[in-house]
Amino acid sequence: MSGEGGGRRRRRGAAAGDVPQVAPGAEFPELDLPVRPFYPPMEATAVSTMPAGEGWGYEPKWDGFRCLAFRDGERVVLQSKSGQPLARYFPEVVAAVAALPTPRVVLDGEIVLFTDGRVDFDALLQRIHPAESRIRRLAAETPTTYLVFDLLVGDAGDHTAEPLAQRRERLEAFFERLPDDGMLRLSPATRDRDVAEGWMRELGAGGLDGVVAKRLEAPYRSGERSAMQKVKRLRTADCVVGGFRYGRASRDVGSLLLGLYDDEGRLNHVGFSASFTADERRALAPVVEGLIEPPGFTGDAPGGPSRWSTERSSEWQPLRPTLVCEVRYDHFSGGRFRHGTKFLRWRPDKMPAQCTYAQLDPPADATALATLTRQAG
């Protein structure tokens, strides 16, 4: 999550970085498994184009929490990608893993939360909370789903040295023993690049974050990026620049604050763009300083209480809403861009009033997404 300002609308929950930091393995019990925590998961290299060829398999890139699940008899451990324990936040996943028809297993997958047929990352973030009573209540009211895409340890022992194609066959056989509507679901996979491109086109609004391509003959390479590539969905939007922040200890522009108009004609703060070189930052100052004029944003504005608020949240300059820029973004949820955007160009041909939420993703195709995940959610 971004650390740039918040909004007047109070948003409960925690950012992804708010999972309590612990030393890897510090809170994990000893397990009698060939693979045990802390175990770095295999990771992916970001690329701009999906690889092609017979040696590749493709899987959805879900918008959730990466999770390794370990079961050794009655002991179940959930480990995040960075080595943090997740079990206390997702007791329903712990219970589902404990109920599996095998006493010793290690799975790799993604914890997601479905709301009305789409992946809801903001709702998932609310589970990262210090109060156990709140976690238990949310686990009962809005249970998560564990989408599994790899089998590291199973009935036959350690499978990490086997090629992905063989591990996938074992994983599919493993899921044939499980109910289709359980909390653990088999994440889809295909060897057809056209199918994967269809996921990118059609399911992004439902929570698909992109596609992961994996080498079919590669073993599970813990902590490495050599056998996986990820292609994220990147989109563009035209935004009004409703304000800006100076850089730390300088009079150069640090970031532009972006806004979109809602149906009531209010300009809401939806994110920021800070992807500028030093020369570009200096050149921005004369562009924006002549437009300083309150209020800037007339709806949600930076500086209100939110999980992104910092000591600098109120240190921004409001602008007359005349500048329009095009930015590239990867995800929009909860009324804002998930991460910082990439500034692409100014749009003097675009009227500020045309910068509305309507240009963003259309409503999710809940039916297609549910079919992809065996009626998940």
Protein backbone atom coordinates (compact mmCIF):
# COMPACT_ATOMS: atom_id res chain seq x y z
CA MET A 1 0.00 0.00 0.00
CA SER A 2 1.04 3.55 -0.59
CA GLY A 3 2.08 5.84 2.22
CA GLU A 4 0.80 8.96 0.47
CA GLY A 5 -2.02 10.84 2.21
CA GLY A 6 -5.42 9.45 2.99
CA GLY A 7 -8.89 10.85 2.52
CA ARG A 8 -11.69 12.27 4.60
CA ARG A 9 -13.55 8.99 4.39
CA ARG A 10 -12.41 6.89 7.33
CA ARG A 11 -11.25 3.46 6.21
CA ARG A 12 -10.77 0.78 8.81
CA GLY A 13 -8.31 -2.06 8.66
CA ALA A 14 -4.60 -2.23 8.03
CA ALA A 15 -2.37 -1.82 5.06
CA ALA A 16 -0.52 -4.80 3.67
CA GLY A 17 2.63 -3.66 5.43
CA ASP A 18 0.87 -3.63 8.80
CA VAL A 19 1.21 -7.37 9.37
CA PRO A 20 3.35 -7.39 12.54
CA GLN A 21 6.99 -7.76 11.64
CA VAL A 22 8.85 -10.67 13.19
CA ALA A 23 12.18 -12.29 12.54
CA PRO A 24 11.73 -15.13 10.02
CA GLY A 25 10.83 -18.28 11.93
CA ALA A 26 10.67 -16.50 15.30
CA GLU A 27 7.07 -17.51 16.01
CA PHE A 28 6.93 -20.81 14.14
CA PRO A 29 6.86 -24.16 15.95
CA GLU A 30 9.14 -27.04 15.03
CA LEU A 31 7.52 -29.24 12.40
CA ASP A 32 8.54 -32.73 11.33
CA LEU A 33 8.36 -31.94 7.62
CA PRO A 34 10.98 -31.99 4.84
CA VAL A 35 9.98 -28.38 4.12
CA ARG A 36 9.30 -26.20 7.15
CA PRO A 37 9.08 -22.49 8.02
CA PHE A 38 10.66 -20.15 7.48
CA TYR A 39 10.70 -21.30 3.84
CA PRO A 40 11.04 -18.59 1.17
CA PRO A 41 8.47 -19.16 -1.59
CA MET A 42 9.39 -19.18 -5.25
CA GLU A 43 8.97 -15.70 -6.71
CA ALA A 44 8.50 -14.13 -10.13
CA THR A 45 10.35 -11.66 -12.31
CA ALA A 46 8.18 -8.82 -13.61
CA VAL A 47 7.98 -8.68 -17.41
CA SER A 48 5.93 -6.61 -19.83
CA THR A 49 4.94 -9.40 -22.21
CA MET A 50 3.62 -12.86 -21.44
CA PRO A 51 6.17 -15.50 -22.57
CA ALA A 52 5.12 -18.00 -25.22
CA GLY A 53 6.12 -21.56 -26.03
CA GLU A 54 5.48 -25.16 -25.10
CA GLY A 55 7.64 -24.92 -22.00
CA TRP A 56 5.34 -22.49 -20.19
CA GLY A 57 2.26 -22.88 -18.04
CA TYR A 58 0.03 -19.97 -17.01
CA GLU A 59 -1.86 -19.22 -13.80
CA PRO A 60 -3.93 -16.28 -12.54
CA LYS A 61 -2.13 -13.76 -10.35
CA TRP A 62 -4.58 -13.18 -7.51
CA ASP A 63 -4.97 -9.99 -5.49
CA GLY A 64 -4.53 -11.36 -1.98
CA PHE A 65 -1.94 -12.59 0.53
CA ARG A 66 0.63 -15.15 -0.63
CA CYS A 67 0.62 -17.99 1.88
CA LEU A 68 2.50 -21.23 2.47
CA ALA A 69 0.39 -23.68 4.51
CA PHE A 70 2.17 -26.37 6.56
CA ARG A 71 0.41 -29.25 8.29
CA ASP A 72 2.17 -31.73 10.55
CA GLY A 73 -0.53 -33.75 12.26
CA GLU A 74 -2.48 -31.42 14.52
CA ARG A 75 -0.06 -28.55 14.00
CA VAL A 76 -0.87 -26.05 11.23
CA VAL A 77 1.29 -23.07 10.29
CA LEU A 78 0.46 -20.31 7.80
CA GLN A 79 3.47 -18.32 6.59
CA SER A 80 3.44 -15.12 4.54
CA LYS A 81 5.82 -14.46 1.67
CA SER A 82 8.02 -12.35 3.92
CA GLY A 83 8.13 -14.97 6.67
CA GLN A 84 5.44 -13.62 8.98
CA PRO A 85 2.91 -15.90 10.71
CA LEU A 86 -0.64 -15.54 9.39
CA ALA A 87 -2.53 -18.21 11.34
CA ARG A 88 -4.06 -15.86 13.94
CA TYR A 89 -5.59 -13.70 11.20
CA PHE A 90 -7.16 -16.56 9.23
CA PRO A 91 -8.46 -19.20 11.67
CA GLU A 92 -10.88 -20.54 9.08
CA VAL A 93 -7.96 -21.40 6.77
CA VAL A 94 -6.15 -23.09 9.67
CA ALA A 95 -9.26 -25.20 10.32
CA ALA A 96 -9.60 -26.12 6.65
CA VAL A 97 -5.95 -27.21 6.39
CA ALA A 98 -6.27 -29.19 9.64
CA ALA A 99 -9.26 -31.05 8.16
CA LEU A 100 -7.43 -32.20 5.01
CA PRO A 101 -7.38 -35.98 4.43
CA THR A 102 -3.60 -36.14 4.77
CA PRO A 103 -1.64 -35.59 7.99
CA ARG A 104 1.50 -34.07 6.45
CA VAL A 105 1.29 -31.53 3.66
CA VAL A 106 2.79 -28.22 2.48
CA LEU A 107 0.85 -26.06 0.03
CA ASP A 108 1.59 -22.80 -1.76
CA GLY A 109 -1.23 -20.45 -2.65
CA GLU A 110 -3.02 -17.15 -2.13
CA ILE A 111 -5.52 -16.17 0.53
CA VAL A 112 -8.29 -14.08 -1.03
CA LEU A 113 -11.69 -12.80 0.03
CA PHE A 114 -14.65 -12.78 -2.34
CA THR A 115 -17.41 -10.18 -2.09
CA ASP A 116 -20.28 -10.46 -4.57
CA GLY A 117 -18.20 -12.64 -6.86
CA ARG A 118 -15.08 -10.47 -7.00
CA VAL A 119 -11.83 -10.46 -5.07
CA ASP A 120 -12.05 -7.80 -2.35
CA PHE A 121 -8.58 -6.83 -1.15
CA ASP A 122 -9.84 -4.03 1.08
CA ALA A 123 -12.07 -6.46 2.99
CA LEU A 124 -9.12 -8.84 3.27
CA LEU A 125 -7.00 -6.12 4.85
CA GLN A 126 -9.52 -5.73 7.66
CA ARG A 127 -8.50 -9.16 8.90
CA ILE A 128 -5.05 -7.87 9.87
CA HIS A 129 -6.25 -6.62 13.23
CA PRO A 130 -4.92 -6.92 16.80
CA ALA A 131 -8.27 -7.93 18.36
CA GLU A 132 -8.85 -11.68 18.21
CA SER A 133 -12.59 -11.21 18.81
CA ARG A 134 -12.84 -9.06 15.68
CA ILE A 135 -10.87 -11.59 13.63
CA ARG A 136 -13.11 -14.46 14.78
CA ARG A 137 -16.24 -12.47 13.95
CA LEU A 138 -15.02 -11.56 10.46
CA ALA A 139 -13.85 -15.14 9.86
CA ALA A 140 -17.43 -16.28 10.48
CA GLU A 141 -19.14 -13.44 8.60
CA THR A 142 -16.79 -13.12 5.61
CA PRO A 143 -14.63 -16.26 5.37
CA THR A 144 -11.66 -16.22 3.06
CA THR A 145 -10.70 -18.69 0.35
CA TYR A 146 -7.28 -20.30 -0.01
CA LEU A 147 -6.53 -20.67 -3.72
CA VAL A 148 -3.80 -23.32 -3.99
CA PHE A 149 -1.41 -23.48 -6.95
CA ASP A 150 1.44 -25.75 -5.80
CA LEU A 151 2.06 -28.90 -3.77
CA LEU A 152 5.45 -28.95 -2.05
CA VAL A 153 4.94 -31.88 0.34
CA GLY A 154 2.27 -34.56 0.08
CA ASP A 155 1.58 -38.19 0.89
CA ALA A 156 4.59 -39.25 -1.18
CA GLY A 157 6.96 -36.86 0.60
CA ASP A 158 8.97 -33.91 -0.68
CA HIS A 159 8.02 -32.87 -4.23
CA THR A 160 10.05 -29.66 -4.52
CA ALA A 161 12.69 -31.31 -6.75
CA GLU A 162 10.06 -32.48 -9.23
CA PRO A 163 9.18 -30.41 -12.33
CA LEU A 164 6.13 -28.17 -12.11
CA ALA A 165 4.22 -30.31 -14.62
CA GLN A 166 4.50 -33.30 -12.30
CA ARG A 167 3.70 -31.26 -9.17
CA ARG A 168 0.60 -29.91 -10.90
CA GLU A 169 -0.61 -33.44 -11.68
CA ARG A 170 -0.14 -34.37 -8.03
CA LEU A 171 -1.98 -31.21 -6.91
CA GLU A 172 -4.94 -31.92 -9.18
CA ALA A 173 -5.12 -35.49 -7.89
CA PHE A 174 -4.97 -34.15 -4.35
CA PHE A 175 -7.95 -31.85 -5.00
CA GLU A 176 -10.00 -34.66 -6.49
CA ARG A 177 -10.32 -35.89 -2.88
CA LEU A 178 -11.68 -32.53 -1.69
CA PRO A 179 -15.15 -30.95 -2.05
CA ASP A 180 -15.57 -28.44 -4.86
CA ASP A 181 -17.16 -25.87 -2.55
CA GLY A 182 -14.63 -26.01 0.27
CA MET A 183 -12.54 -23.18 1.64
CA LEU A 184 -9.50 -24.58 -0.18
CA ARG A 185 -9.81 -24.29 -3.96
CA LEU A 186 -7.59 -25.36 -6.79
CA SER A 187 -6.29 -22.26 -8.56
CA PRO A 188 -6.67 -22.66 -12.35
CA ALA A 189 -3.78 -23.36 -14.69
CA THR A 190 -3.48 -23.62 -18.46
CA ARG A 191 -0.83 -24.25 -21.08
CA ASP A 192 -2.80 -22.23 -23.63
CA ARG A 193 -1.46 -18.68 -23.86
CA ASP A 194 -4.67 -17.50 -25.54
CA VAL A 195 -6.67 -18.62 -22.50
CA ALA A 196 -4.30 -16.70 -20.20
CA GLU A 197 -4.64 -13.58 -22.36
CA GLY A 198 -8.40 -13.95 -22.05
CA TRP A 199 -8.07 -13.91 -18.26
CA MET A 200 -6.14 -10.65 -18.53
CA ARG A 201 -8.78 -9.05 -20.74
CA GLU A 202 -11.93 -10.25 -19.04
CA LEU A 203 -11.32 -10.81 -15.35
CA GLY A 204 -9.29 -7.84 -14.16
CA ALA A 205 -12.28 -6.04 -12.69
CA GLY A 206 -13.07 -9.18 -10.72
CA GLY A 207 -9.76 -9.06 -8.88
CA LEU A 208 -7.34 -10.77 -11.26
CA ASP A 209 -4.07 -8.93 -10.76
CA GLY A 210 -2.40 -10.36 -13.84
CA VAL A 211 -0.94 -13.67 -15.02
CA VAL A 212 2.01 -15.70 -13.76
CA ALA A 213 3.94 -17.80 -16.29
CA LYS A 214 5.91 -20.76 -14.93
CA ARG A 215 8.44 -23.06 -16.57
CA LEU A 216 6.84 -26.50 -16.67
CA GLU A 217 10.11 -28.41 -16.28
CA ALA A 218 11.44 -26.34 -13.36
CA PRO A 219 11.61 -27.63 -9.80
CA TYR A 220 10.30 -25.49 -6.95
CA ARG A 221 13.08 -22.91 -6.62
CA SER A 222 12.67 -21.50 -3.13
CA GLY A 223 13.44 -17.78 -2.94
CA GLU A 224 14.41 -17.57 -6.62
CA ARG A 225 12.84 -15.75 -9.57
CA SER A 226 14.38 -17.77 -12.41
CA ALA A 227 11.41 -20.07 -13.15
CA MET A 228 8.50 -17.61 -12.94
CA GLN A 229 7.49 -14.44 -14.75
CA LYS A 230 4.58 -12.15 -13.91
CA VAL A 231 2.66 -9.83 -16.16
CA LYS A 232 0.49 -7.33 -14.31
CA ARG A 233 -2.58 -5.66 -15.70
CA LEU A 234 -1.70 -2.03 -16.31
CA ARG A 235 -4.31 0.51 -17.23
CA THR A 236 -4.42 4.27 -17.78
CA ALA A 237 -6.70 7.00 -16.48
CA ASP A 238 -7.05 10.74 -16.97
CA CYS A 239 -6.99 12.57 -13.62
CA VAL A 240 -7.30 16.12 -12.38
CA VAL A 241 -4.28 17.37 -10.42
CA GLY A 242 -5.99 18.71 -7.30
CA GLY A 243 -2.82 19.43 -5.35
CA PHE A 244 0.82 18.61 -4.87
CA ARG A 245 3.45 18.04 -2.21
CA TYR A 246 6.94 19.44 -2.07
CA GLY A 247 9.78 16.96 -1.69
CA ARG A 248 11.42 16.44 1.66
CA ALA A 249 13.72 19.35 2.55
CA SER A 250 13.35 20.92 -0.91
CA ARG A 251 11.17 23.22 -2.97
CA ASP A 252 10.99 20.74 -5.82
CA VAL A 253 7.68 18.99 -6.41
CA GLY A 254 7.65 15.61 -4.69
CA SER A 255 4.31 14.27 -5.90
CA LEU A 256 1.16 15.26 -7.73
CA LEU A 257 -2.13 14.53 -5.96
CA LEU A 258 -4.73 13.06 -8.29
CA GLY A 259 -8.49 13.46 -8.31
CA LEU A 260 -11.59 12.11 -10.03
CA TYR A 261 -15.09 13.60 -10.07
CA ASP A 262 -17.96 11.61 -8.58
CA ASP A 263 -21.61 11.66 -9.68
CA GLU A 264 -22.29 14.65 -7.40
CA GLY A 265 -19.55 16.71 -9.05
CA ARG A 266 -17.13 16.48 -6.13
CA LEU A 267 -13.44 16.11 -6.82
CA ASN A 268 -12.11 13.23 -4.69
CA HIS A 269 -8.48 12.52 -3.94
CA VAL A 270 -7.73 9.06 -5.40
CA GLY A 271 -3.95 8.73 -5.29
CA PHE A 272 -0.68 10.28 -6.28
CA SER A 273 2.10 10.19 -8.85
CA ALA A 274 5.73 10.60 -7.84
CA SER A 275 7.58 8.92 -10.71
CA PHE A 276 9.70 11.88 -11.75
CA THR A 277 13.41 12.44 -12.29
CA ALA A 278 15.16 15.26 -10.41
CA ASP A 279 15.04 17.49 -13.49
CA GLU A 280 11.33 16.77 -14.01
CA ARG A 281 10.58 17.64 -10.37
CA ARG A 282 12.26 21.02 -10.74
CA ALA A 283 10.39 21.67 -13.99
CA LEU A 284 7.04 20.90 -12.35
CA ALA A 285 7.29 23.69 -9.78
CA PRO A 286 6.58 26.61 -12.17
CA VAL A 287 3.73 24.60 -13.74
CA VAL A 288 1.81 24.07 -10.50
CA GLU A 289 2.81 26.96 -8.21
CA GLY A 290 0.89 29.50 -10.26
CA LEU A 291 -2.29 27.47 -9.76
CA ILE A 292 -2.19 27.23 -5.96
CA GLU A 293 -5.72 27.96 -4.80
CA PRO A 294 -7.92 26.31 -2.16
CA PRO A 295 -9.77 24.08 -1.73
CA GLY A 296 -8.21 21.80 -4.34
CA PHE A 297 -10.33 18.73 -3.58
CA THR A 298 -14.01 19.30 -2.87
CA GLY A 299 -14.79 15.73 -1.77
CA ASP A 300 -12.37 13.30 -0.13
CA ALA A 301 -9.08 15.10 0.41
CA PRO A 302 -5.59 14.26 1.70
CA GLY A 303 -5.01 14.71 5.40
CA GLY A 304 -8.10 13.04 6.84
CA PRO A 305 -7.92 10.03 9.14
CA SER A 306 -7.08 6.88 7.23
CA ARG A 307 -4.69 3.99 7.30
CA TRP A 308 -2.35 5.87 4.95
CA SER A 309 -2.05 8.95 7.15
CA THR A 310 1.45 10.05 8.08
CA GLU A 311 2.89 13.09 9.80
CA ARG A 312 3.16 14.71 6.35
CA SER A 313 -0.42 13.97 5.27
CA SER A 314 -1.57 17.57 5.79
CA GLU A 315 1.46 19.13 4.09
CA TRP A 316 0.01 19.60 0.64
CA GLN A 317 -0.78 22.54 -1.61
CA PRO A 318 -4.29 22.79 -3.15
CA LEU A 319 -4.60 23.66 -6.84
CA ARG A 320 -7.24 25.19 -9.03
CA PRO A 321 -8.66 22.13 -10.86
CA THR A 322 -7.47 22.90 -14.37
CA LEU A 323 -4.54 20.50 -14.96
CA VAL A 324 -5.31 17.08 -16.39
CA CYS A 325 -2.76 14.31 -16.73
CA GLU A 326 -2.80 10.71 -17.90
CA VAL A 327 -1.35 8.15 -15.51
CA ARG A 328 -0.74 4.42 -15.63
CA TYR A 329 -1.96 2.32 -12.72
CA ASP A 330 -2.15 -1.33 -11.80
CA HIS A 331 -5.15 -1.52 -9.46
CA PHE A 332 -7.99 0.65 -8.20
CA SER A 333 -9.96 -0.36 -5.10
CA GLY A 334 -11.55 1.24 -2.07
CA GLY A 335 -11.88 4.53 -3.90
CA ARG A 336 -8.20 5.03 -4.75
CA PHE A 337 -5.25 3.74 -6.73
CA ARG A 338 -3.65 0.93 -4.76
CA HIS A 339 -0.07 2.05 -5.42
CA GLY A 340 1.58 5.15 -6.76
CA THR A 341 0.82 5.77 -10.43
CA LYS A 342 3.18 6.41 -13.34
CA PHE A 343 2.83 9.87 -14.86
CA LEU A 344 2.56 9.53 -18.65
CA ARG A 345 1.69 12.95 -20.10
CA TRP A 346 -0.33 16.11 -19.71
CA ARG A 347 -3.77 16.12 -21.35
CA PRO A 348 -4.55 19.75 -22.32
CA ASP A 349 -7.18 18.39 -24.71
CA LYS A 350 -9.17 16.89 -21.85
CA MET A 351 -11.71 18.87 -19.83
CA PRO A 352 -11.32 18.34 -16.05
CA ALA A 353 -15.03 17.49 -15.75
CA GLN A 354 -14.43 14.49 -18.03
CA CYS A 355 -12.14 12.90 -15.42
CA THR A 356 -14.68 10.65 -13.69
CA TYR A 357 -14.78 7.16 -12.21
CA ALA A 358 -16.63 5.97 -15.32
CA GLN A 359 -13.33 5.57 -17.20
CA LEU A 360 -12.12 2.89 -14.75
CA ASP A 361 -12.85 -0.83 -14.91
CA PRO A 362 -16.45 -1.84 -15.59
CA PRO A 363 -18.25 -4.01 -13.01
CA ALA A 364 -16.74 -7.44 -12.53
CA ASP A 365 -18.05 -10.45 -14.42
CA ALA A 366 -18.86 -12.38 -11.26
CA THR A 367 -20.12 -15.43 -13.17
CA ALA A 368 -16.88 -15.84 -15.14
CA LEU A 369 -14.73 -15.37 -12.07
CA ALA A 370 -16.77 -17.81 -10.00
CA THR A 371 -16.51 -20.42 -12.75
CA LEU A 372 -12.76 -19.95 -12.88
CA THR A 373 -12.45 -20.65 -9.16
CA ARG A 374 -14.98 -23.52 -8.88
CA GLN A 375 -17.83 -21.28 -7.77
CA ALA A 376 -15.62 -19.44 -5.24
CA GLY A 377 -17.33 -16.80 -3.17
